[in-house]
Amino acid sequence: MPALYIGHGAPPLLDDPVWSGQLAAWAKDLPRPKVILIVSAHWESAPVSLTASGAPLVYDFGGFAPKYYQMTYQTPDASALAKRVAAMMPDNEPVHQHRSRGLDHGAWVPLKIMYPNADIPVLQMSLPTEDPYKLLKLGERLRPLRDEGVLIIGSGFLTHGLPFLKDWSIDAAAPGWSKDFDLWAGEALQRGDIDELAAYRSKAPGMPYAHPTVEHYIPLFITLGAARKADDPGEQKIDGYWMGLAKRSLQVA
């Protein structure tokens, strides 16, 4: 299986025919996964924590239409993968198996588009650190799962400067800071320049506006760590902007 970094959007993504169409077409081109392991920007917790199979969705958003709070995405049991992931971690880095947390919108919104039948087990893992190199190492530990039919996904948003948006329409023009960061990241990914990407706080144009907090960017390093070679440029499958934010997404071999 490949590994992916995707932008997940807010719940209205489900009603956007352009971006949802891109995600659905991408999923159809992928080998069918046996299980999905997804790391979302919306769950930062240390130590590494795992969702509970069968737990209700997390509606971690506000101000949207009531229909989004009634949506479901009930997937098959993923407890076997949870045990496998826990066994892959070092003895000094224990894994916390959450008893009641389900998938948050960084997981279920894109997966509802990509795999609408909800017939693939899904396990969500928390982001335990903001350190790019530690996340690369975590992705590297997870890499063997790909040979077992597990699709590893880092879910974020390549730019996420919500406090600085002035136009909240889906087709809003991208602010300069969003374009600048997006193009910088796209070029660094194309070069396979991991150190450049990891030094985003000091080297990326558009900071800190593109990421006043960094949780939407750093799932990228889980994906890169899970690649056969972290500096493989992979394939940038989606680009462009949504509400002015960069939806650039990556697939690595």
Protein backbone atom coordinates (compact mmCIF):
# COMPACT_ATOMS: atom_id res chain seq x y z
CA MET A 1 0.00 0.00 0.00
CA PRO A 2 1.12 3.58 -0.54
CA ALA A 3 1.01 6.20 2.23
CA LEU A 4 -0.91 9.46 1.89
CA TYR A 5 -0.94 13.00 3.22
CA ILE A 6 -4.33 14.60 2.58
CA GLY A 7 -6.09 17.84 3.33
CA HIS A 8 -9.35 17.03 5.09
CA GLY A 9 -11.37 20.25 5.01
CA ALA A 10 -14.28 21.18 7.22
CA PRO A 11 -17.58 19.24 7.00
CA PRO A 12 -18.82 21.34 4.01
CA LEU A 13 -16.17 19.48 2.00
CA LEU A 14 -18.78 16.73 1.81
CA ASP A 15 -20.91 19.02 -0.37
CA ASP A 16 -18.11 20.36 -2.58
CA PRO A 17 -18.28 18.41 -5.86
CA VAL A 18 -14.80 19.46 -6.99
CA TRP A 19 -12.64 18.47 -4.05
CA SER A 20 -14.81 15.53 -3.01
CA GLY A 21 -14.63 14.32 -6.60
CA GLN A 22 -10.83 14.53 -6.51
CA LEU A 23 -10.66 12.51 -3.29
CA ALA A 24 -13.13 9.90 -4.54
CA ALA A 25 -11.25 9.46 -7.82
CA TRP A 26 -7.95 9.15 -5.95
CA ALA A 27 -9.35 6.42 -3.70
CA LYS A 28 -10.58 4.45 -6.72
CA ASP A 29 -7.05 4.48 -8.16
CA LEU A 30 -5.55 3.04 -4.95
CA PRO A 31 -5.26 -0.65 -4.11
CA ARG A 32 -8.09 -1.53 -1.78
CA PRO A 33 -6.77 -1.42 1.80
CA LYS A 34 -7.49 -4.14 4.32
CA VAL A 35 -7.37 -1.58 7.14
CA ILE A 36 -6.80 2.18 7.40
CA LEU A 37 -4.55 3.85 9.97
CA ILE A 38 -5.11 7.60 10.02
CA VAL A 39 -3.43 10.37 12.01
CA SER A 40 -5.49 13.56 12.18
CA ALA A 41 -4.53 17.10 13.07
CA HIS A 42 -7.43 17.15 15.52
CA TRP A 43 -6.05 14.72 18.07
CA GLU A 44 -2.84 15.77 19.76
CA SER A 45 -2.12 13.46 22.66
CA ALA A 46 0.94 11.85 24.19
CA PRO A 47 1.74 9.05 24.56
CA VAL A 48 0.54 7.62 21.26
CA SER A 49 -3.18 6.98 21.70
CA LEU A 50 -5.59 4.89 19.64
CA THR A 51 -9.33 5.17 19.07
CA ALA A 52 -11.84 2.63 20.30
CA SER A 53 -13.58 0.55 17.64
CA GLY A 54 -17.32 1.18 17.54
CA ALA A 55 -17.10 4.46 19.45
CA PRO A 56 -19.30 7.33 18.18
CA LEU A 57 -17.84 9.99 15.92
CA VAL A 58 -16.33 13.14 17.38
CA TYR A 59 -18.08 16.28 16.07
CA ASP A 60 -15.17 18.57 16.84
CA PHE A 61 -16.41 21.65 14.99
CA GLY A 62 -18.95 24.41 15.42
CA GLY A 63 -21.14 26.75 13.43
CA PHE A 64 -22.12 24.36 10.65
CA ALA A 65 -25.48 23.02 9.49
CA PRO A 66 -27.22 20.57 11.86
CA LYS A 67 -27.00 17.75 9.33
CA TYR A 68 -23.24 17.43 9.89
CA TYR A 69 -23.80 16.61 13.57
CA GLN A 70 -26.08 13.73 12.65
CA MET A 71 -23.74 11.99 10.23
CA THR A 72 -22.39 8.55 11.00
CA TYR A 73 -19.49 6.47 9.72
CA GLN A 74 -19.63 3.07 11.39
CA THR A 75 -16.68 0.94 10.28
CA PRO A 76 -15.71 -2.66 11.13
CA ASP A 77 -13.69 -3.49 14.21
CA ALA A 78 -10.04 -2.37 14.03
CA SER A 79 -8.86 -3.76 17.37
CA ALA A 80 -6.48 -6.21 15.68
CA LEU A 81 -4.61 -3.28 14.12
CA ALA A 82 -4.61 -1.48 17.46
CA LYS A 83 -2.83 -4.46 19.03
CA ARG A 84 -0.40 -4.61 16.13
CA VAL A 85 0.46 -0.89 16.42
CA ALA A 86 0.95 -1.18 20.19
CA ALA A 87 3.34 -4.09 19.66
CA MET A 88 5.43 -2.03 17.22
CA MET A 89 6.23 0.69 19.75
CA PRO A 90 9.32 0.58 21.99
CA ASP A 91 8.89 -0.60 25.58
CA ASN A 92 9.67 2.91 26.84
CA GLU A 93 6.94 4.43 24.66
CA PRO A 94 3.70 2.80 25.82
CA VAL A 95 0.51 3.15 23.78
CA HIS A 96 -2.75 4.29 25.33
CA GLN A 97 -5.84 2.43 24.12
CA HIS A 98 -8.68 4.91 24.49
CA ARG A 99 -11.93 3.32 25.62
CA SER A 100 -14.46 5.78 24.25
CA ARG A 101 -12.95 8.08 21.61
CA GLY A 102 -14.13 7.67 18.04
CA LEU A 103 -12.95 9.21 14.78
CA ASP A 104 -12.79 13.01 14.61
CA HIS A 105 -13.68 15.02 11.53
CA GLY A 106 -10.08 15.02 10.29
CA ALA A 107 -10.61 11.28 9.78
CA TRP A 108 -14.27 10.65 9.04
CA VAL A 109 -14.93 13.58 6.69
CA PRO A 110 -12.36 12.57 4.02
CA LEU A 111 -12.91 8.85 4.56
CA LYS A 112 -16.65 9.25 4.11
CA ILE A 113 -15.85 10.53 0.62
CA MET A 114 -13.03 8.14 -0.22
CA TYR A 115 -14.64 4.97 1.17
CA PRO A 116 -18.36 5.80 1.45
CA ASN A 117 -19.47 2.25 2.20
CA ALA A 118 -17.63 2.35 5.56
CA ASP A 119 -16.67 -1.28 5.01
CA ILE A 120 -12.96 -0.99 5.84
CA PRO A 121 -11.77 -1.02 9.48
CA VAL A 122 -10.35 2.37 10.52
CA LEU A 123 -8.02 3.09 13.43
CA GLN A 124 -7.07 6.65 14.35
CA MET A 125 -3.79 7.38 16.08
CA SER A 126 -2.97 10.58 17.94
CA LEU A 127 -0.19 13.03 17.17
CA PRO A 128 2.14 12.58 20.16
CA THR A 129 4.60 15.38 19.37
CA GLU A 130 5.23 18.40 17.13
CA ASP A 131 8.84 17.39 16.44
CA PRO A 132 9.12 16.53 12.71
CA TYR A 133 12.00 14.11 13.23
CA LYS A 134 10.20 12.20 15.97
CA LEU A 135 7.16 11.95 13.71
CA LEU A 136 9.36 10.70 10.87
CA LYS A 137 10.66 8.00 13.20
CA LEU A 138 7.11 7.09 14.21
CA GLY A 139 6.12 6.81 10.56
CA GLU A 140 9.17 4.63 9.94
CA ARG A 141 8.09 2.27 12.72
CA LEU A 142 4.67 1.98 11.10
CA ARG A 143 6.11 1.36 7.62
CA PRO A 144 5.90 -2.48 7.78
CA LEU A 145 2.12 -2.21 8.07
CA ARG A 146 1.99 -1.16 4.45
CA ASP A 147 3.10 -4.63 3.40
CA GLU A 148 0.19 -6.01 5.43
CA GLY A 149 -2.41 -4.07 3.43
CA VAL A 150 -2.71 -1.09 5.78
CA LEU A 151 -3.26 2.34 4.21
CA ILE A 152 -1.44 4.94 6.34
CA ILE A 153 -2.85 8.47 6.08
CA GLY A 154 -1.67 11.73 7.59
CA SER A 155 -4.65 14.09 7.55
CA GLY A 156 -4.17 17.84 7.92
CA PHE A 157 -4.20 20.93 5.68
CA LEU A 158 -1.07 22.27 4.02
CA THR A 159 -2.01 25.79 5.08
CA HIS A 160 -4.39 26.49 7.94
CA GLY A 161 -4.31 30.17 8.89
CA LEU A 162 -7.97 30.36 9.88
CA PRO A 163 -7.58 33.51 12.04
CA PHE A 164 -6.31 35.41 9.00
CA LEU A 165 -9.00 34.46 6.48
CA LYS A 166 -11.28 37.27 5.34
CA ASP A 167 -13.34 35.42 2.73
CA TRP A 168 -14.91 32.15 3.90
CA SER A 169 -16.38 31.12 0.55
CA ILE A 170 -15.14 27.81 -0.86
CA ASP A 171 -13.75 29.47 -3.99
CA ALA A 172 -12.08 32.36 -2.14
CA ALA A 173 -8.79 33.62 -3.56
CA ALA A 174 -5.78 32.30 -1.67
CA PRO A 175 -4.02 34.92 0.50
CA GLY A 176 -0.36 35.55 -0.28
CA TRP A 177 0.85 33.72 2.83
CA SER A 178 -1.12 30.62 1.81
CA LYS A 179 0.21 30.63 -1.76
CA ASP A 180 3.76 31.27 -0.65
CA PHE A 181 3.82 28.43 1.89
CA ASP A 182 2.06 26.05 -0.49
CA LEU A 183 4.48 26.64 -3.35
CA TRP A 184 7.48 26.39 -1.01
CA ALA A 185 6.24 23.06 0.38
CA GLY A 186 5.37 21.72 -3.07
CA GLU A 187 8.86 22.50 -4.35
CA ALA A 188 10.55 21.04 -1.26
CA LEU A 189 8.48 17.87 -1.59
CA GLN A 190 9.42 17.59 -5.24
CA ARG A 191 13.09 17.77 -4.27
CA GLY A 192 12.61 15.30 -1.41
CA ASP A 193 14.15 17.89 0.93
CA ILE A 194 13.15 16.59 4.34
CA ASP A 195 15.39 18.98 6.29
CA GLU A 196 13.90 21.97 4.50
CA LEU A 197 10.37 20.77 5.24
CA ALA A 198 11.28 20.12 8.88
CA ALA A 199 12.70 23.64 9.26
CA TYR A 200 9.42 25.24 8.20
CA ARG A 201 9.25 27.56 11.21
CA SER A 202 12.34 29.46 10.06
CA LYS A 203 12.51 28.70 6.34
CA ALA A 204 8.96 28.64 5.03
CA PRO A 205 7.52 31.86 3.57
CA GLY A 206 4.12 32.75 4.92
CA MET A 207 4.89 31.74 8.50
CA PRO A 208 3.40 32.07 11.02
CA TYR A 209 0.24 33.06 9.13
CA ALA A 210 0.09 29.77 7.21
CA HIS A 211 0.29 27.83 10.49
CA PRO A 212 -0.28 29.87 13.66
CA THR A 213 -0.47 26.39 15.21
CA VAL A 214 1.20 23.52 13.42
CA GLU A 215 -1.00 20.47 13.92
CA HIS A 216 -2.35 20.55 10.36
CA TYR A 217 1.10 20.53 8.79
CA ILE A 218 2.97 17.95 10.86
CA PRO A 219 0.95 14.82 9.93
CA LEU A 220 2.96 15.12 6.71
CA PHE A 221 5.98 13.72 8.57
CA ILE A 222 4.14 10.54 9.56
CA THR A 223 3.49 9.99 5.85
CA LEU A 224 7.06 10.76 4.83
CA GLY A 225 8.42 8.47 7.54
CA ALA A 226 6.19 5.66 6.31
CA ALA A 227 7.57 6.04 2.76
CA ARG A 228 10.06 3.47 1.46
CA LYS A 229 12.50 6.38 1.33
CA ALA A 230 11.58 9.52 3.25
CA ASP A 231 13.19 11.72 0.60
CA ASP A 232 11.23 10.13 -2.25
CA PRO A 233 9.31 13.03 -3.82
CA GLY A 234 6.23 10.88 -4.26
CA GLU A 235 3.33 12.12 -6.34
CA GLN A 236 1.39 15.28 -5.56
CA LYS A 237 -2.15 14.14 -6.38
CA ILE A 238 -4.22 17.23 -5.52
CA ASP A 239 -3.36 20.92 -5.47
CA GLY A 240 -5.24 24.22 -5.53
CA TYR A 241 -7.09 26.04 -2.74
CA TRP A 242 -10.28 25.72 -0.70
CA MET A 243 -11.42 28.77 1.26
CA GLY A 244 -7.99 30.11 0.31
CA LEU A 245 -6.18 27.25 2.07
CA ALA A 246 -3.85 24.86 0.25
CA LYS A 247 -5.32 21.42 -0.34
CA ARG A 248 -2.09 19.98 -1.76
CA SER A 249 -2.00 16.25 -1.06
CA LEU A 250 0.70 13.62 -1.51
CA GLN A 251 1.05 9.91 -2.24
CA VAL A 252 4.35 8.15 -1.51
CA ALA A 253 5.49 4.68 -2.46
